[in-house]
PDB file of N, CA and C in Angstrom:
ATOM      1  N   MET A   1      51.332  -2.075 -66.259  1.00  0.00           N
ATOM      2  CA  MET A   1      51.176  -3.582 -66.790  1.00  0.00           C
ATOM      3  C   MET A   1      52.748  -4.002 -67.255  1.00  0.00           C
ATOM      4  N   SER A   2      52.968  -5.262 -67.246  1.00  0.00           N
ATOM      5  CA  SER A   2      54.084  -6.052 -67.563  1.00  0.00           C
ATOM      6  C   SER A   2      53.824  -6.344 -69.039  1.00  0.00           C
ATOM      7  N   LEU A   3      54.985  -6.832 -69.794  1.00  0.00           N
ATOM      8  CA  LEU A   3      55.004  -7.255 -70.666  1.00  0.00           C
ATOM      9  C   LEU A   3      55.217  -8.621 -70.681  1.00  0.00           C
ATOM     10  N   GLU A   4      54.119  -9.745 -70.883  1.00  0.00           N
ATOM     11  CA  GLU A   4      54.506 -11.026 -70.550  1.00  0.00           C
ATOM     12  C   GLU A   4      55.145 -11.842 -71.133  1.00  0.00           C
ATOM     13  N   LEU A   5      56.302 -12.917 -71.264  1.00  0.00           N
ATOM     14  CA  LEU A   5      56.931 -13.423 -72.282  1.00  0.00           C
ATOM     15  C   LEU A   5      56.266 -14.586 -72.344  1.00  0.00           C
ATOM     16  N   PRO A   6      56.425 -15.283 -73.747  1.00  0.00           N
ATOM     17  CA  PRO A   6      55.871 -16.812 -74.036  1.00  0.00           C
ATOM     18  C   PRO A   6      56.846 -17.570 -73.415  1.00  0.00           C
ATOM     19  N   SER A   7      56.262 -18.933 -73.333  1.00  0.00           N
ATOM     20  CA  SER A   7      57.099 -19.997 -72.784  1.00  0.00           C
ATOM     21  C   SER A   7      58.347 -20.469 -73.732  1.00  0.00           C
ATOM     22  N   ASN A   8      57.938 -20.022 -74.926  1.00  0.00           N
ATOM     23  CA  ASN A   8      59.274 -20.360 -76.261  1.00  0.00           C
ATOM     24  C   ASN A   8      59.860 -19.000 -76.957  1.00  0.00           C
ATOM     25  N   ILE A   9      60.823 -18.479 -76.463  1.00  0.00           N
ATOM     26  CA  ILE A   9      60.849 -17.047 -77.278  1.00  0.00           C
ATOM     27  C   ILE A   9      61.930 -17.496 -78.577  1.00  0.00           C
ATOM     28  N   THR A  10      61.326 -17.383 -79.455  1.00  0.00           N
ATOM     29  CA  THR A  10      61.935 -17.506 -80.814  1.00  0.00           C
ATOM     30  C   THR A  10      62.565 -16.197 -81.597  1.00  0.00           C
ATOM     31  N   VAL A  11      63.318 -15.727 -82.292  1.00  0.00           N
ATOM     32  CA  VAL A  11      63.553 -14.681 -83.125  1.00  0.00           C
ATOM     33  C   VAL A  11      62.405 -14.176 -83.340  1.00  0.00           C
ATOM     34  N   GLY A  12      61.186 -14.869 -83.833  1.00  0.00           N
ATOM     35  CA  GLY A  12      59.942 -13.869 -84.403  1.00  0.00           C
ATOM     36  C   GLY A  12      59.316 -12.948 -82.863  1.00  0.00           C
ATOM     37  N   GLU A  13      59.692 -14.315 -81.998  1.00  0.00           N
ATOM     38  CA  GLU A  13      59.178 -13.401 -80.196  1.00  0.00           C
ATOM     39  C   GLU A  13      60.127 -12.451 -79.723  1.00  0.00           C
ATOM     40  N   ALA A  14      61.205 -12.691 -80.214  1.00  0.00           N
ATOM     41  CA  ALA A  14      62.164 -11.116 -79.782  1.00  0.00           C
ATOM     42  C   ALA A  14      62.363 -10.042 -80.416  1.00  0.00           C
ATOM     43  N   GLU A  15      61.742 -10.280 -81.517  1.00  0.00           N
ATOM     44  CA  GLU A  15      61.312  -9.367 -82.279  1.00  0.00           C
ATOM     45  C   GLU A  15      59.988  -8.629 -82.073  1.00  0.00           C
ATOM     46  N   ARG A  16      58.897  -9.231 -81.915  1.00  0.00           N
ATOM     47  CA  ARG A  16      57.327  -8.860 -81.133  1.00  0.00           C
ATOM     48  C   ARG A  16      57.929  -7.927 -79.790  1.00  0.00           C
ATOM     49  N   LEU A  17      58.522  -8.653 -78.665  1.00  0.00           N
ATOM     50  CA  LEU A  17      59.275  -8.233 -77.906  1.00  0.00           C
ATOM     51  C   LEU A  17      60.074  -6.748 -78.170  1.00  0.00           C
ATOM     52  N   ALA A  18      60.938  -6.659 -78.745  1.00  0.00           N
ATOM     53  CA  ALA A  18      61.573  -5.601 -78.838  1.00  0.00           C
ATOM     54  C   ALA A  18      60.338  -4.356 -79.608  1.00  0.00           C
ATOM     55  N   GLN A  19      59.815  -4.804 -80.419  1.00  0.00           N
ATOM     56  CA  GLN A  19      58.597  -3.860 -80.812  1.00  0.00           C
ATOM     57  C   GLN A  19      58.022  -3.064 -79.412  1.00  0.00           C
ATOM     58  N   ALA A  20      57.450  -4.420 -78.480  1.00  0.00           N
ATOM     59  CA  ALA A  20      56.540  -4.012 -77.825  1.00  0.00           C
ATOM     60  C   ALA A  20      57.141  -3.359 -76.695  1.00  0.00           C
ATOM     61  N   VAL A  21      58.371  -3.169 -76.540  1.00  0.00           N
ATOM     62  CA  VAL A  21      59.429  -2.356 -75.785  1.00  0.00           C
ATOM     63  C   VAL A  21      59.563  -0.806 -76.313  1.00  0.00           C
ATOM     64  N   ILE A  22      59.684  -1.040 -77.758  1.00  0.00           N
ATOM     65  CA  ILE A  22      59.766   0.557 -77.786  1.00  0.00           C
ATOM     66  C   ILE A  22      58.744   1.452 -78.137  1.00  0.00           C
ATOM     67  N   GLU A  23      57.738   0.971 -78.180  1.00  0.00           N
ATOM     68  CA  GLU A  23      56.477   1.458 -78.011  1.00  0.00           C
ATOM     69  C   GLU A  23      56.421   1.982 -76.162  1.00  0.00           C
ATOM     70  N   ARG A  24      56.502   1.046 -75.614  1.00  0.00           N
ATOM     71  CA  ARG A  24      56.860   1.630 -73.642  1.00  0.00           C
ATOM     72  C   ARG A  24      57.595   2.706 -73.797  1.00  0.00           C
ATOM     73  N   ILE A  25      58.552   2.606 -74.108  1.00  0.00           N
ATOM     74  CA  ILE A  25      59.435   3.575 -73.826  1.00  0.00           C
ATOM     75  C   ILE A  25      59.380   4.962 -74.770  1.00  0.00           C
ATOM     76  N   ASN A  26      58.588   4.836 -76.118  1.00  0.00           N
ATOM     77  CA  ASN A  26      58.276   5.556 -76.604  1.00  0.00           C
ATOM     78  C   ASN A  26      56.901   6.698 -76.057  1.00  0.00           C
ATOM     79  N   ALA A  27      56.359   5.631 -75.151  1.00  0.00           N
ATOM     80  CA  ALA A  27      55.313   6.157 -74.669  1.00  0.00           C
ATOM     81  C   ALA A  27      56.027   6.463 -72.768  1.00  0.00           C
ATOM     82  N   LYS A  28      57.078   6.428 -73.197  1.00  0.00           N
ATOM     83  CA  LYS A  28      57.292   7.169 -71.366  1.00  0.00           C
ATOM     84  C   LYS A  28      57.330   6.131 -70.048  1.00  0.00           C
ATOM     85  N   GLU A  29      56.774   4.827 -70.584  1.00  0.00           N
ATOM     86  CA  GLU A  29      56.261   4.041 -69.345  1.00  0.00           C
ATOM     87  C   GLU A  29      57.263   3.043 -69.341  1.00  0.00           C
ATOM     88  N   PRO A  30      57.267   2.541 -67.774  1.00  0.00           N
ATOM     89  CA  PRO A  30      58.400   1.664 -67.372  1.00  0.00           C
ATOM     90  C   PRO A  30      58.328   0.217 -68.257  1.00  0.00           C
ATOM     91  N   VAL A  31      59.389  -0.114 -68.191  1.00  0.00           N
ATOM     92  CA  VAL A  31      59.274  -1.242 -68.882  1.00  0.00           C
ATOM     93  C   VAL A  31      59.446  -2.357 -68.021  1.00  0.00           C
ATOM     94  N   ALA A  32      58.426  -3.368 -67.604  1.00  0.00           N
ATOM     95  CA  ALA A  32      58.021  -4.101 -66.546  1.00  0.00           C
ATOM     96  C   ALA A  32      58.023  -5.671 -67.556  1.00  0.00           C
ATOM     97  N   ILE A  33      58.661  -6.473 -67.326  1.00  0.00           N
ATOM     98  CA  ILE A  33      58.453  -7.804 -68.162  1.00  0.00           C
ATOM     99  C   ILE A  33      58.311  -8.943 -67.207  1.00  0.00           C
ATOM    100  N   ASP A  34      57.470  -9.850 -67.554  1.00  0.00           N
ATOM    101  CA  ASP A  34      56.859 -10.792 -66.910  1.00  0.00           C
ATOM    102  C   ASP A  34      57.817 -12.333 -67.752  1.00  0.00           C
ATOM    103  N   GLY A  35      58.584 -12.605 -67.285  1.00  0.00           N
ATOM    104  CA  GLY A  35      59.373 -13.871 -67.225  1.00  0.00           C
ATOM    105  C   GLY A  35      58.869 -14.646 -66.118  1.00  0.00           C
ATOM    106  N   GLY A  36      58.197 -15.011 -65.979  1.00  0.00           N
ATOM    107  CA  GLY A  36      57.626 -16.324 -65.208  1.00  0.00           C
ATOM    108  C   GLY A  36      57.290 -17.378 -66.416  1.00  0.00           C
ATOM    109  N   GLN A  37      57.068 -17.589 -67.182  1.00  0.00           N
ATOM    110  CA  GLN A  37      56.705 -18.750 -67.931  1.00  0.00           C
ATOM    111  C   GLN A  37      57.547 -18.855 -68.948  1.00  0.00           C
ATOM    112  N   VAL A  38      58.685 -18.616 -69.118  1.00  0.00           N
ATOM    113  CA  VAL A  38      59.632 -18.703 -69.810  1.00  0.00           C
ATOM    114  C   VAL A  38      60.416 -20.426 -69.525  1.00  0.00           C
ATOM    115  N   GLU A  39      60.816 -21.071 -70.995  1.00  0.00           N
ATOM    116  CA  GLU A  39      60.933 -22.380 -70.756  1.00  0.00           C
ATOM    117  C   GLU A  39      62.170 -22.477 -71.881  1.00  0.00           C
ATOM    118  N   ARG A  40      62.195 -21.540 -72.619  1.00  0.00           N
ATOM    119  CA  ARG A  40      63.205 -21.692 -73.649  1.00  0.00           C
ATOM    120  C   ARG A  40      63.535 -20.084 -74.272  1.00  0.00           C
ATOM    121  N   ILE A  41      64.986 -19.546 -74.454  1.00  0.00           N
ATOM    122  CA  ILE A  41      64.887 -18.445 -74.678  1.00  0.00           C
ATOM    123  C   ILE A  41      66.569 -18.556 -74.922  1.00  0.00           C
ATOM    124  N   GLY A  42      66.460 -18.175 -76.131  1.00  0.00           N
ATOM    125  CA  GLY A  42      67.936 -18.000 -76.966  1.00  0.00           C
ATOM    126  C   GLY A  42      68.462 -16.665 -77.140  1.00  0.00           C
ATOM    127  N   LEU A  43      69.521 -16.724 -77.721  1.00  0.00           N
ATOM    128  CA  LEU A  43      70.458 -15.285 -77.709  1.00  0.00           C
ATOM    129  C   LEU A  43      69.627 -14.638 -78.032  1.00  0.00           C
ATOM    130  N   ALA A  44      68.860 -14.240 -79.224  1.00  0.00           N
ATOM    131  CA  ALA A  44      68.033 -12.911 -79.577  1.00  0.00           C
ATOM    132  C   ALA A  44      67.317 -13.022 -78.475  1.00  0.00           C
ATOM    133  N   GLY A  45      66.655 -13.123 -78.033  1.00  0.00           N
ATOM    134  CA  GLY A  45      65.671 -13.145 -76.432  1.00  0.00           C
ATOM    135  C   GLY A  45      66.629 -12.372 -75.537  1.00  0.00           C
ATOM    136  N   LEU A  46      67.914 -12.867 -75.233  1.00  0.00           N
ATOM    137  CA  LEU A  46      68.245 -12.553 -74.345  1.00  0.00           C
ATOM    138  C   LEU A  46      69.334 -11.016 -74.856  1.00  0.00           C
ATOM    139  N   GLN A  47      69.335 -10.647 -76.224  1.00  0.00           N
ATOM    140  CA  GLN A  47      69.934  -9.770 -76.897  1.00  0.00           C
ATOM    141  C   GLN A  47      68.685  -8.694 -76.779  1.00  0.00           C
ATOM    142  N   VAL A  48      67.325  -9.308 -76.786  1.00  0.00           N
ATOM    143  CA  VAL A  48      66.385  -7.573 -76.882  1.00  0.00           C
ATOM    144  C   VAL A  48      66.246  -7.193 -75.038  1.00  0.00           C
ATOM    145  N   LEU A  49      66.537  -8.547 -74.178  1.00  0.00           N
ATOM    146  CA  LEU A  49      66.356  -7.988 -72.714  1.00  0.00           C
ATOM    147  C   LEU A  49      67.428  -7.177 -72.628  1.00  0.00           C
ATOM    148  N   LEU A  50      68.812  -7.487 -72.820  1.00  0.00           N
ATOM    149  CA  LEU A  50      70.095  -6.522 -72.295  1.00  0.00           C
ATOM    150  C   LEU A  50      69.497  -5.376 -73.525  1.00  0.00           C
ATOM    151  N   ALA A  51      69.427  -4.562 -74.859  1.00  0.00           N
ATOM    152  CA  ALA A  51      68.949  -3.609 -75.231  1.00  0.00           C
ATOM    153  C   ALA A  51      67.964  -3.155 -74.973  1.00  0.00           C
ATOM    154  N   ALA A  52      66.613  -3.871 -73.902  1.00  0.00           N
ATOM    155  CA  ALA A  52      65.726  -3.011 -73.576  1.00  0.00           C
ATOM    156  C   ALA A  52      65.908  -2.696 -72.352  1.00  0.00           C
ATOM    157  N   ARG A  53      66.925  -3.314 -71.527  1.00  0.00           N
ATOM    158  CA  ARG A  53      67.611  -2.053 -70.213  1.00  0.00           C
ATOM    159  C   ARG A  53      68.183  -1.354 -70.417  1.00  0.00           C
ATOM    160  N   ALA A  54      68.579  -1.340 -71.107  1.00  0.00           N
ATOM    161  CA  ALA A  54      70.067  -0.191 -71.871  1.00  0.00           C
ATOM    162  C   ALA A  54      69.009   1.037 -72.607  1.00  0.00           C
ATOM    163  N   SER A  55      67.941   0.766 -73.277  1.00  0.00           N
ATOM    164  CA  SER A  55      67.332   2.193 -73.833  1.00  0.00           C
ATOM    165  C   SER A  55      66.631   2.376 -72.421  1.00  0.00           C
ATOM    166  N   ALA A  56      65.948   1.422 -71.850  1.00  0.00           N
ATOM    167  CA  ALA A  56      65.064   2.152 -70.673  1.00  0.00           C
ATOM    168  C   ALA A  56      65.751   3.161 -69.713  1.00  0.00           C
ATOM    169  N   ILE A  57      66.878   2.560 -69.247  1.00  0.00           N
ATOM    170  CA  ILE A  57      67.813   3.489 -68.325  1.00  0.00           C
ATOM    171  C   ILE A  57      67.809   4.757 -69.086  1.00  0.00           C
ATOM    172  N   ALA A  58      68.407   4.454 -70.363  1.00  0.00           N
ATOM    173  CA  ALA A  58      68.844   5.550 -70.816  1.00  0.00           C
ATOM    174  C   ALA A  58      67.751   6.587 -71.445  1.00  0.00           C
ATOM    175  N   ALA A  59      66.461   6.319 -71.260  1.00  0.00           N
ATOM    176  CA  ALA A  59      65.753   7.240 -70.874  1.00  0.00           C
ATOM    177  C   ALA A  59      64.874   7.419 -69.870  1.00  0.00           C
ATOM    178  N   GLY A  60      65.803   7.412 -69.009  1.00  0.00           N
ATOM    179  CA  GLY A  60      65.147   7.539 -67.131  1.00  0.00           C
ATOM    180  C   GLY A  60      64.164   6.626 -67.207  1.00  0.00           C
ATOM    181  N   LEU A  61      64.118   5.131 -67.470  1.00  0.00           N
ATOM    182  CA  LEU A  61      62.591   4.762 -67.069  1.00  0.00           C
ATOM    183  C   LEU A  61      63.111   3.688 -66.569  1.00  0.00           C
ATOM    184  N   SER A  62      62.174   2.880 -65.736  1.00  0.00           N
ATOM    185  CA  SER A  62      62.415   1.594 -64.902  1.00  0.00           C
ATOM    186  C   SER A  62      62.772   0.369 -66.057  1.00  0.00           C
ATOM    187  N   PHE A  63      63.389  -0.577 -65.306  1.00  0.00           N
ATOM    188  CA  PHE A  63      63.469  -2.011 -66.250  1.00  0.00           C
ATOM    189  C   PHE A  63      63.347  -3.093 -65.283  1.00  0.00           C
ATOM    190  N   SER A  64      62.568  -3.839 -65.120  1.00  0.00           N
ATOM    191  CA  SER A  64      62.411  -5.007 -64.506  1.00  0.00           C
ATOM    192  C   SER A  64      62.197  -6.172 -65.009  1.00  0.00           C
ATOM    193  N   VAL A  65      62.767  -7.576 -64.914  1.00  0.00           N
ATOM    194  CA  VAL A  65      62.170  -8.767 -65.564  1.00  0.00           C
ATOM    195  C   VAL A  65      61.845  -9.378 -64.306  1.00  0.00           C
ATOM    196  N   ASP A  66      60.638  -9.525 -63.819  1.00  0.00           N
ATOM    197  CA  ASP A  66      60.386 -10.009 -62.119  1.00  0.00           C
ATOM    198  C   ASP A  66      58.468 -10.245 -62.677  1.00  0.00           C
ATOM    199  N   PRO A  67      58.189 -11.666 -62.398  1.00  0.00           N
ATOM    200  CA  PRO A  67      59.074 -12.809 -62.258  1.00  0.00           C
ATOM    201  C   PRO A  67      59.920 -13.437 -62.814  1.00  0.00           C
ATOM    202  N   CYS A  68      60.942 -14.414 -62.938  1.00  0.00           N
ATOM    203  CA  CYS A  68      61.706 -14.586 -63.814  1.00  0.00           C
ATOM    204  C   CYS A  68      61.853 -16.371 -63.659  1.00  0.00           C
ATOM    205  N   SER A  69      61.547 -17.087 -64.642  1.00  0.00           N
ATOM    206  CA  SER A  69      61.586 -18.424 -64.102  1.00  0.00           C
ATOM    207  C   SER A  69      62.671 -19.031 -64.174  1.00  0.00           C
ATOM    208  N   ASN A  70      63.053 -19.867 -63.823  1.00  0.00           N
ATOM    209  CA  ASN A  70      64.369 -20.569 -63.495  1.00  0.00           C
ATOM    210  C   ASN A  70      64.819 -20.662 -64.427  1.00  0.00           C
ATOM    211  N   ARG A  71      64.568 -21.125 -65.609  1.00  0.00           N
ATOM    212  CA  ARG A  71      65.150 -21.157 -66.862  1.00  0.00           C
ATOM    213  C   ARG A  71      65.726 -20.436 -67.573  1.00  0.00           C
ATOM    214  N   LEU A  72      64.889 -19.206 -67.596  1.00  0.00           N
ATOM    215  CA  LEU A  72      65.379 -17.738 -67.822  1.00  0.00           C
ATOM    216  C   LEU A  72      66.338 -17.394 -66.937  1.00  0.00           C
ATOM    217  N   ALA A  73      66.493 -17.643 -65.921  1.00  0.00           N
ATOM    218  CA  ALA A  73      67.408 -17.309 -65.289  1.00  0.00           C
ATOM    219  C   ALA A  73      68.780 -17.896 -64.988  1.00  0.00           C
ATOM    220  N   ASP A  74      68.790 -19.241 -65.738  1.00  0.00           N
ATOM    221  CA  ASP A  74      69.770 -20.416 -65.718  1.00  0.00           C
ATOM    222  C   ASP A  74      70.689 -19.412 -67.302  1.00  0.00           C
ATOM    223  N   MET A  75      69.570 -19.328 -67.799  1.00  0.00           N
ATOM    224  CA  MET A  75      70.423 -18.762 -69.585  1.00  0.00           C
ATOM    225  C   MET A  75      70.806 -17.562 -69.334  1.00  0.00           C
ATOM    226  N   ALA A  76      69.955 -16.966 -68.417  1.00  0.00           N
ATOM    227  CA  ALA A  76      70.736 -15.169 -68.533  1.00  0.00           C
ATOM    228  C   ALA A  76      72.672 -15.257 -68.115  1.00  0.00           C
ATOM    229  N   ASP A  77      72.204 -16.886 -66.798  1.00  0.00           N
ATOM    230  CA  ASP A  77      73.609 -16.570 -66.034  1.00  0.00           C
ATOM    231  C   ASP A  77      74.553 -17.254 -66.747  1.00  0.00           C
ATOM    232  N   LEU A  78      74.170 -18.182 -67.866  1.00  0.00           N
ATOM    233  CA  LEU A  78      75.232 -19.140 -68.549  1.00  0.00           C
ATOM    234  C   LEU A  78      75.863 -17.865 -69.627  1.00  0.00           C
ATOM    235  N   ALA A  79      75.156 -16.460 -69.981  1.00  0.00           N
ATOM    236  CA  ALA A  79      75.570 -15.643 -70.997  1.00  0.00           C
ATOM    237  C   ALA A  79      75.937 -14.457 -70.499  1.00  0.00           C
ATOM    238  N   GLY A  80      76.686 -14.541 -69.089  1.00  0.00           N
ATOM    239  CA  GLY A  80      77.128 -13.424 -68.385  1.00  0.00           C
ATOM    240  C   GLY A  80      75.855 -12.506 -67.787  1.00  0.00           C
ATOM    241  N   LEU A  81      74.863 -12.825 -67.949  1.00  0.00           N
ATOM    242  CA  LEU A  81      73.898 -11.657 -67.731  1.00  0.00           C
ATOM    243  C   LEU A  81      73.323 -11.924 -66.329  1.00  0.00           C
ATOM    244  N   ASP A  82      73.657 -12.275 -65.348  1.00  0.00           N
ATOM    245  CA  ASP A  82      72.615 -12.740 -64.184  1.00  0.00           C
ATOM    246  C   ASP A  82      72.081 -11.471 -63.617  1.00  0.00           C
ATOM    247  N   ASP A  83      72.815 -10.447 -64.009  1.00  0.00           N
ATOM    248  CA  ASP A  83      72.286  -9.247 -63.226  1.00  0.00           C
ATOM    249  C   ASP A  83      70.902  -8.487 -64.156  1.00  0.00           C
ATOM    250  N   LEU A  84      70.721  -9.273 -65.389  1.00  0.00           N
ATOM    251  CA  LEU A  84      69.354  -8.618 -66.102  1.00  0.00           C
ATOM    252  C   LEU A  84      68.421  -9.124 -65.223  1.00  0.00           C
ATOM    253  N   VAL A  85      67.854 -10.069 -64.684  1.00  0.00           N
ATOM    254  CA  VAL A  85      67.019 -11.118 -64.118  1.00  0.00           C
ATOM    255  C   VAL A  85      66.857 -10.943 -62.483  1.00  0.00           C
ATOM    256  N   VAL A  86      65.516 -10.965 -62.462  1.00  0.00           N
ATOM    257  CA  VAL A  86      65.229 -11.529 -60.583  1.00  0.00           C
ATOM    258  C   VAL A  86      65.587 -12.365 -60.258  1.00  0.00           C
ATOM    259  N   HIS A  87      66.438 -13.173 -59.287  1.00  0.00           N
ATOM    260  CA  HIS A  87      66.718 -14.075 -59.340  1.00  0.00           C
ATOM    261  C   HIS A  87      65.714 -14.893 -58.061  1.00  0.00           C
TER     262      HIS A  87
END
């Protein structure tokens, strides 16, 4: 089951996402993120996604952001994180 991102990822939403990712990793579950509805994401949200990927990989788990909205892909590209999401 994917973790579905909200359309607007605020700092509070980023904190909730981080907690959900930690729970998945502790349960040894793959980290699958549904970013198809994202309209707005700031640096905090991108940082959580980047840390989630690193933590999942370090734990030997898969990580994916799929689907990915155009807006999320654009913001990842602007931040130099174009390999973070599926375009």
